Amino acid sequence: FGFLSGMFPYGIAIIVMTILVRLVLSPVLYKSYLSQAKMKILRPELNDINAQYKDNAMKRQQETMALYRKAGVNPMSGCVPALIQLPVFYALFMFFPTAFDLRQKSFLWVDDLSSYDTIVYLPFTIPFYGDHISLFPILASIAIFFYMQMTTGQTMQMQQQPGMPNMKFIMYLSPVMMLFFFNNYASGLSLYYFVSNLLTIAI
């Protein structure tokens, strides 16, 4: 990052770093994206299996797994991107609020990339959220929601078995949790995740 910040303004350096991280991870994530695309194509056949064997859970599961094997699909591949990014997230989590170079460095409406950005001050404090509204966490949460709807949402819908509770609430819960967490954290991290999820959606 020090090398990039010597070439670009700090906000642009974060965006360039995000693109480079995505490029480094792209070969590992490619198979996961391919598997997710196959899962989407298999949705009509999975719906037929669920309808045909709605009263026979064991047979339904056997036919579903047989279809996965035939198509070369791993239904758990949607979890791979999140697991792979955990070490990267931890490194960035530790980096942004403590990076001396980012302190008092502005980008767009942000005054300090090592702290949270504020677009509105609230006359009251919301528990776990704070007394202000930050824009980058909102943008990052929206991007995370659309990404999850494109990937996790499809997997959940296809794996949903008759009689099981609806799991779609996870798609709404995760972005809300991220919104609350990022609102009081370094805006540089929110910028990273916003750009990263935009790139992932595009891919």
C-alpha atoms as a PDB file:
ATOM      1  CA  PHE A   1       0.000   0.000   0.000  1.00  0.00           C
ATOM      2  CA  GLY A   2       2.891   2.351   0.714  1.00  0.00           C
ATOM      3  CA  PHE A   3       4.075   1.882  -2.877  1.00  0.00           C
ATOM      4  CA  LEU A   4       0.600   2.595  -4.278  1.00  0.00           C
ATOM      5  CA  SER A   5       0.064   5.636  -2.071  1.00  0.00           C
ATOM      6  CA  GLY A   6       3.280   7.087  -3.480  1.00  0.00           C
ATOM      7  CA  MET A   7       1.803   6.847  -6.983  1.00  0.00           C
ATOM      8  CA  PHE A   8      -1.864   7.750  -6.375  1.00  0.00           C
ATOM      9  CA  PRO A   9      -3.979   9.815  -3.965  1.00  0.00           C
ATOM     10  CA  TYR A  10      -4.832   7.710  -0.918  1.00  0.00           C
ATOM     11  CA  GLY A  11      -8.450   7.007  -1.864  1.00  0.00           C
ATOM     12  CA  ILE A  12      -7.450   5.950  -5.368  1.00  0.00           C
ATOM     13  CA  ALA A  13      -4.623   3.848  -3.886  1.00  0.00           C
ATOM     14  CA  ILE A  14      -7.219   1.905  -1.843  1.00  0.00           C
ATOM     15  CA  ILE A  15      -9.273   1.284  -4.994  1.00  0.00           C
ATOM     16  CA  VAL A  16      -6.181   0.126  -6.922  1.00  0.00           C
ATOM     17  CA  MET A  17      -5.206  -2.132  -3.992  1.00  0.00           C
ATOM     18  CA  THR A  18      -8.727  -3.596  -4.016  1.00  0.00           C
ATOM     19  CA  ILE A  19      -8.455  -4.388  -7.731  1.00  0.00           C
ATOM     20  CA  LEU A  20      -5.040  -6.022  -7.230  1.00  0.00           C
ATOM     21  CA  VAL A  21      -6.356  -8.165  -4.345  1.00  0.00           C
ATOM     22  CA  ARG A  22      -9.282  -9.292  -6.501  1.00  0.00           C
ATOM     23  CA  LEU A  23      -6.901 -10.176  -9.337  1.00  0.00           C
ATOM     24  CA  VAL A  24      -4.716 -12.235  -6.999  1.00  0.00           C
ATOM     25  CA  LEU A  25      -7.747 -14.108  -5.639  1.00  0.00           C
ATOM     26  CA  SER A  26      -9.510 -14.524  -8.998  1.00  0.00           C
ATOM     27  CA  PRO A  27      -7.910 -17.877 -10.019  1.00  0.00           C
ATOM     28  CA  VAL A  28      -8.966 -19.420  -6.709  1.00  0.00           C
ATOM     29  CA  LEU A  29     -12.484 -17.995  -6.879  1.00  0.00           C
ATOM     30  CA  TYR A  30     -13.104 -18.853 -10.540  1.00  0.00           C
ATOM     31  CA  LYS A  31     -14.222 -22.441  -9.856  1.00  0.00           C
ATOM     32  CA  SER A  32     -16.597 -21.193  -7.189  1.00  0.00           C
ATOM     33  CA  TYR A  33     -18.213 -18.707  -9.583  1.00  0.00           C
ATOM     34  CA  LEU A  34     -18.467 -21.410 -12.253  1.00  0.00           C
ATOM     35  CA  SER A  35     -20.156 -23.773  -9.813  1.00  0.00           C
ATOM     36  CA  GLN A  36     -22.619 -21.047  -8.823  1.00  0.00           C
ATOM     37  CA  ALA A  37     -23.477 -20.486 -12.489  1.00  0.00           C
ATOM     38  CA  LYS A  38     -24.155 -24.217 -12.892  1.00  0.00           C
ATOM     39  CA  MET A  39     -26.377 -24.159  -9.808  1.00  0.00           C
ATOM     40  CA  LYS A  40     -28.468 -21.438 -11.412  1.00  0.00           C
ATOM     41  CA  ILE A  41     -28.871 -23.488 -14.599  1.00  0.00           C
ATOM     42  CA  LEU A  42     -29.874 -26.568 -12.589  1.00  0.00           C
ATOM     43  CA  ARG A  43     -32.664 -24.759 -10.766  1.00  0.00           C
ATOM     44  CA  PRO A  44     -35.543 -26.091 -12.973  1.00  0.00           C
ATOM     45  CA  GLU A  45     -34.354 -29.696 -12.566  1.00  0.00           C
ATOM     46  CA  LEU A  46     -33.996 -29.247  -8.811  1.00  0.00           C
ATOM     47  CA  ASN A  47     -37.510 -27.826  -8.636  1.00  0.00           C
ATOM     48  CA  ASP A  48     -38.789 -30.886 -10.520  1.00  0.00           C
ATOM     49  CA  ILE A  49     -37.000 -33.209  -8.079  1.00  0.00           C
ATOM     50  CA  ASN A  50     -38.451 -31.357  -5.093  1.00  0.00           C
ATOM     51  CA  ALA A  51     -41.948 -31.579  -6.563  1.00  0.00           C
ATOM     52  CA  GLN A  52     -41.648 -35.231  -7.595  1.00  0.00           C
ATOM     53  CA  TYR A  53     -40.290 -36.437  -4.248  1.00  0.00           C
ATOM     54  CA  LYS A  54     -41.879 -33.924  -1.897  1.00  0.00           C
ATOM     55  CA  ASP A  55     -43.111 -36.749   0.354  1.00  0.00           C
ATOM     56  CA  ASN A  56     -39.883 -38.763   0.289  1.00  0.00           C
ATOM     57  CA  ALA A  57     -37.035 -36.757   1.815  1.00  0.00           C
ATOM     58  CA  MET A  58     -34.419 -39.511   1.414  1.00  0.00           C
ATOM     59  CA  LYS A  59     -35.163 -40.101  -2.265  1.00  0.00           C
ATOM     60  CA  ARG A  60     -35.254 -36.344  -2.870  1.00  0.00           C
ATOM     61  CA  GLN A  61     -31.820 -35.973  -1.305  1.00  0.00           C
ATOM     62  CA  GLN A  62     -30.404 -38.904  -3.299  1.00  0.00           C
ATOM     63  CA  GLU A  63     -31.713 -37.546  -6.609  1.00  0.00           C
ATOM     64  CA  THR A  64     -30.441 -34.057  -5.777  1.00  0.00           C
ATOM     65  CA  MET A  65     -26.933 -35.311  -4.991  1.00  0.00           C
ATOM     66  CA  ALA A  66     -26.951 -37.463  -8.143  1.00  0.00           C
ATOM     67  CA  LEU A  67     -27.777 -34.380 -10.204  1.00  0.00           C
ATOM     68  CA  TYR A  68     -24.962 -32.427  -8.502  1.00  0.00           C
ATOM     69  CA  ARG A  69     -22.470 -35.196  -9.294  1.00  0.00           C
ATOM     70  CA  LYS A  70     -23.622 -35.438 -12.908  1.00  0.00           C
ATOM     71  CA  ALA A  71     -23.221 -31.683 -13.409  1.00  0.00           C
ATOM     72  CA  GLY A  72     -19.971 -31.485 -11.423  1.00  0.00           C
ATOM     73  CA  VAL A  73     -21.441 -29.047  -8.923  1.00  0.00           C
ATOM     74  CA  ASN A  74     -20.447 -28.484  -5.312  1.00  0.00           C
ATOM     75  CA  PRO A  75     -23.437 -26.864  -3.532  1.00  0.00           C
ATOM     76  CA  MET A  76     -21.146 -25.563  -0.782  1.00  0.00           C
ATOM     77  CA  SER A  77     -18.915 -23.652  -3.202  1.00  0.00           C
ATOM     78  CA  GLY A  78     -20.759 -20.438  -2.432  1.00  0.00           C
ATOM     79  CA  CYS A  79     -19.027 -20.452   0.958  1.00  0.00           C
ATOM     80  CA  VAL A  80     -15.551 -20.629  -0.593  1.00  0.00           C
ATOM     81  CA  PRO A  81     -15.165 -16.907  -1.410  1.00  0.00           C
ATOM     82  CA  ALA A  82     -16.022 -15.908   2.151  1.00  0.00           C
ATOM     83  CA  LEU A  83     -13.610 -18.443   3.669  1.00  0.00           C
ATOM     84  CA  ILE A  84     -10.754 -17.465   1.363  1.00  0.00           C
ATOM     85  CA  GLN A  85     -11.219 -13.785   2.126  1.00  0.00           C
ATOM     86  CA  LEU A  86     -11.151 -14.218   5.913  1.00  0.00           C
ATOM     87  CA  PRO A  87      -7.344 -13.781   6.232  1.00  0.00           C
ATOM     88  CA  VAL A  88      -7.495 -10.805   3.849  1.00  0.00           C
ATOM     89  CA  PHE A  89     -10.354  -9.275   5.817  1.00  0.00           C
ATOM     90  CA  TYR A  90      -8.473  -9.721   9.100  1.00  0.00           C
ATOM     91  CA  ALA A  91      -5.362  -8.065   7.670  1.00  0.00           C
ATOM     92  CA  LEU A  92      -7.388  -5.106   6.375  1.00  0.00           C
ATOM     93  CA  PHE A  93      -9.378  -4.970   9.615  1.00  0.00           C
ATOM     94  CA  MET A  94      -6.118  -4.427  11.492  1.00  0.00           C
ATOM     95  CA  PHE A  95      -4.559  -2.164   8.859  1.00  0.00           C
ATOM     96  CA  PHE A  96      -7.046   0.635   8.152  1.00  0.00           C
ATOM     97  CA  PRO A  97      -7.719   2.062  11.642  1.00  0.00           C
ATOM     98  CA  THR A  98      -4.033   1.924  12.636  1.00  0.00           C
ATOM     99  CA  ALA A  99      -2.380   3.050   9.377  1.00  0.00           C
ATOM    100  CA  PHE A 100      -0.631   6.318  10.239  1.00  0.00           C
ATOM    101  CA  ASP A 101      -0.391   7.253   6.553  1.00  0.00           C
ATOM    102  CA  LEU A 102      -4.183   7.310   6.238  1.00  0.00           C
ATOM    103  CA  ARG A 103      -4.805   9.676   9.129  1.00  0.00           C
ATOM    104  CA  GLN A 104      -6.270  13.011   8.060  1.00  0.00           C
ATOM    105  CA  LYS A 105      -6.167  11.847   4.423  1.00  0.00           C
ATOM    106  CA  SER A 106      -9.352  12.802   2.606  1.00  0.00           C
ATOM    107  CA  PHE A 107     -11.222  11.192  -0.291  1.00  0.00           C
ATOM    108  CA  LEU A 108     -14.467  12.520  -1.756  1.00  0.00           C
ATOM    109  CA  TRP A 109     -16.601  13.368   1.313  1.00  0.00           C
ATOM    110  CA  VAL A 110     -14.290  11.499   3.740  1.00  0.00           C
ATOM    111  CA  ASP A 111     -12.019  13.648   5.910  1.00  0.00           C
ATOM    112  CA  ASP A 112     -10.036  10.796   7.463  1.00  0.00           C
ATOM    113  CA  LEU A 113      -9.716   7.374   5.798  1.00  0.00           C
ATOM    114  CA  SER A 114      -8.547   5.812   9.065  1.00  0.00           C
ATOM    115  CA  SER A 115     -11.799   6.817  10.801  1.00  0.00           C
ATOM    116  CA  TYR A 116     -15.495   6.724   9.934  1.00  0.00           C
ATOM    117  CA  ASP A 117     -17.015   9.176   7.477  1.00  0.00           C
ATOM    118  CA  THR A 118     -20.007  11.201   8.609  1.00  0.00           C
ATOM    119  CA  ILE A 119     -22.667  12.675   6.338  1.00  0.00           C
ATOM    120  CA  VAL A 120     -25.337  13.229   9.018  1.00  0.00           C
ATOM    121  CA  TYR A 121     -25.089  13.762  12.773  1.00  0.00           C
ATOM    122  CA  LEU A 122     -28.038  12.352  14.699  1.00  0.00           C
ATOM    123  CA  PRO A 123     -29.568  14.166  17.697  1.00  0.00           C
ATOM    124  CA  PHE A 124     -29.678  10.813  19.496  1.00  0.00           C
ATOM    125  CA  THR A 125     -27.611   7.639  19.737  1.00  0.00           C
ATOM    126  CA  ILE A 126     -28.750   4.350  18.220  1.00  0.00           C
ATOM    127  CA  PRO A 127     -27.438   1.363  20.215  1.00  0.00           C
ATOM    128  CA  PHE A 128     -24.564  -0.421  18.422  1.00  0.00           C
ATOM    129  CA  TYR A 129     -24.878   2.061  15.536  1.00  0.00           C
ATOM    130  CA  GLY A 130     -23.840   5.444  16.925  1.00  0.00           C
ATOM    131  CA  ASP A 131     -24.880   9.070  16.721  1.00  0.00           C
ATOM    132  CA  HIS A 132     -24.024   9.570  13.057  1.00  0.00           C
ATOM    133  CA  ILE A 133     -24.660   8.130   9.609  1.00  0.00           C
ATOM    134  CA  SER A 134     -21.727   7.101   7.436  1.00  0.00           C
ATOM    135  CA  LEU A 135     -22.233   6.812   3.678  1.00  0.00           C
ATOM    136  CA  PHE A 136     -19.543   4.297   2.693  1.00  0.00           C
ATOM    137  CA  PRO A 137     -20.932   1.596   5.031  1.00  0.00           C
ATOM    138  CA  ILE A 138     -24.373   2.107   3.459  1.00  0.00           C
ATOM    139  CA  LEU A 139     -22.919   1.705  -0.034  1.00  0.00           C
ATOM    140  CA  ALA A 140     -20.898  -1.344   1.056  1.00  0.00           C
ATOM    141  CA  SER A 141     -23.968  -2.958   2.664  1.00  0.00           C
ATOM    142  CA  ILE A 142     -26.073  -2.405  -0.469  1.00  0.00           C
ATOM    143  CA  ALA A 143     -23.334  -3.983  -2.602  1.00  0.00           C
ATOM    144  CA  ILE A 144     -23.060  -6.914  -0.174  1.00  0.00           C
ATOM    145  CA  PHE A 145     -26.834  -7.433  -0.331  1.00  0.00           C
ATOM    146  CA  PHE A 146     -26.909  -7.576  -4.133  1.00  0.00           C
ATOM    147  CA  TYR A 147     -23.889  -9.907  -4.183  1.00  0.00           C
ATOM    148  CA  MET A 148     -25.533 -12.266  -1.675  1.00  0.00           C
ATOM    149  CA  GLN A 149     -28.788 -12.178  -3.637  1.00  0.00           C
ATOM    150  CA  MET A 150     -26.914 -13.211  -6.779  1.00  0.00           C
ATOM    151  CA  THR A 151     -24.990 -16.051  -5.103  1.00  0.00           C
ATOM    152  CA  THR A 152     -26.070 -17.165  -1.647  1.00  0.00           C
ATOM    153  CA  GLY A 153     -29.709 -16.419  -2.409  1.00  0.00           C
ATOM    154  CA  GLN A 154     -29.700 -18.720  -5.417  1.00  0.00           C
ATOM    155  CA  THR A 155     -28.050 -21.525  -3.465  1.00  0.00           C
ATOM    156  CA  MET A 156     -30.469 -21.190  -0.560  1.00  0.00           C
ATOM    157  CA  GLN A 157     -33.464 -21.163  -2.861  1.00  0.00           C
ATOM    158  CA  MET A 158     -32.337 -24.324  -4.639  1.00  0.00           C
ATOM    159  CA  GLN A 159     -31.418 -26.133  -1.426  1.00  0.00           C
ATOM    160  CA  GLN A 160     -34.640 -25.120   0.298  1.00  0.00           C
ATOM    161  CA  GLN A 161     -36.588 -28.275   1.045  1.00  0.00           C
ATOM    162  CA  PRO A 162     -40.356 -28.429   1.536  1.00  0.00           C
ATOM    163  CA  GLY A 163     -41.302 -27.958   5.154  1.00  0.00           C
ATOM    164  CA  MET A 164     -38.045 -26.216   6.089  1.00  0.00           C
ATOM    165  CA  PRO A 165     -38.088 -22.629   7.391  1.00  0.00           C
ATOM    166  CA  ASN A 166     -37.282 -19.876   4.903  1.00  0.00           C
ATOM    167  CA  MET A 167     -33.598 -18.910   5.133  1.00  0.00           C
ATOM    168  CA  LYS A 168     -33.806 -15.714   3.078  1.00  0.00           C
ATOM    169  CA  PHE A 169     -33.582 -13.636   6.244  1.00  0.00           C
ATOM    170  CA  ILE A 170     -29.809 -14.311   6.214  1.00  0.00           C
ATOM    171  CA  MET A 171     -29.538 -12.226   3.040  1.00  0.00           C
ATOM    172  CA  TYR A 172     -31.044  -9.293   4.913  1.00  0.00           C
ATOM    173  CA  LEU A 173     -29.363  -9.917   8.258  1.00  0.00           C
ATOM    174  CA  SER A 174     -25.765  -9.960   6.971  1.00  0.00           C
ATOM    175  CA  PRO A 175     -25.835  -6.527   5.236  1.00  0.00           C
ATOM    176  CA  VAL A 176     -27.561  -4.986   8.266  1.00  0.00           C
ATOM    177  CA  MET A 177     -24.900  -6.419  10.585  1.00  0.00           C
ATOM    178  CA  MET A 178     -22.162  -5.085   8.308  1.00  0.00           C
ATOM    179  CA  LEU A 179     -23.880  -1.684   8.221  1.00  0.00           C
ATOM    180  CA  PHE A 180     -23.915  -1.457  12.017  1.00  0.00           C
ATOM    181  CA  PHE A 181     -20.320  -2.650  12.328  1.00  0.00           C
ATOM    182  CA  PHE A 182     -18.834  -0.471   9.587  1.00  0.00           C
ATOM    183  CA  ASN A 183     -20.635   2.698  10.684  1.00  0.00           C
ATOM    184  CA  ASN A 184     -18.087   3.246  13.466  1.00  0.00           C
ATOM    185  CA  TYR A 185     -15.077   1.759  11.709  1.00  0.00           C
ATOM    186  CA  ALA A 186     -12.449   3.078   9.317  1.00  0.00           C
ATOM    187  CA  SER A 187     -14.004   4.415   6.105  1.00  0.00           C
ATOM    188  CA  GLY A 188     -11.062   2.976   4.146  1.00  0.00           C
ATOM    189  CA  LEU A 189     -12.298  -0.542   4.971  1.00  0.00           C
ATOM    190  CA  SER A 190     -15.841   0.336   3.868  1.00  0.00           C
ATOM    191  CA  LEU A 191     -14.423   1.750   0.636  1.00  0.00           C
ATOM    192  CA  TYR A 192     -12.461  -1.463   0.081  1.00  0.00           C
ATOM    193  CA  TYR A 193     -15.518  -3.670   0.586  1.00  0.00           C
ATOM    194  CA  PHE A 194     -17.739  -1.443  -1.540  1.00  0.00           C
ATOM    195  CA  VAL A 195     -15.351  -1.589  -4.497  1.00  0.00           C
ATOM    196  CA  SER A 196     -14.582  -5.281  -3.913  1.00  0.00           C
ATOM    197  CA  ASN A 197     -18.243  -6.273  -4.020  1.00  0.00           C
ATOM    198  CA  LEU A 198     -18.877  -4.135  -7.114  1.00  0.00           C
ATOM    199  CA  LEU A 199     -16.048  -5.990  -8.851  1.00  0.00           C
ATOM    200  CA  THR A 200     -17.390  -9.352  -7.693  1.00  0.00           C
ATOM    201  CA  ILE A 201     -20.902  -8.512  -8.949  1.00  0.00           C
ATOM    202  CA  ALA A 202     -19.428  -7.512 -12.309  1.00  0.00           C
ATOM    203  CA  ILE A 203     -17.460 -10.775 -12.509  1.00  0.00           C
END
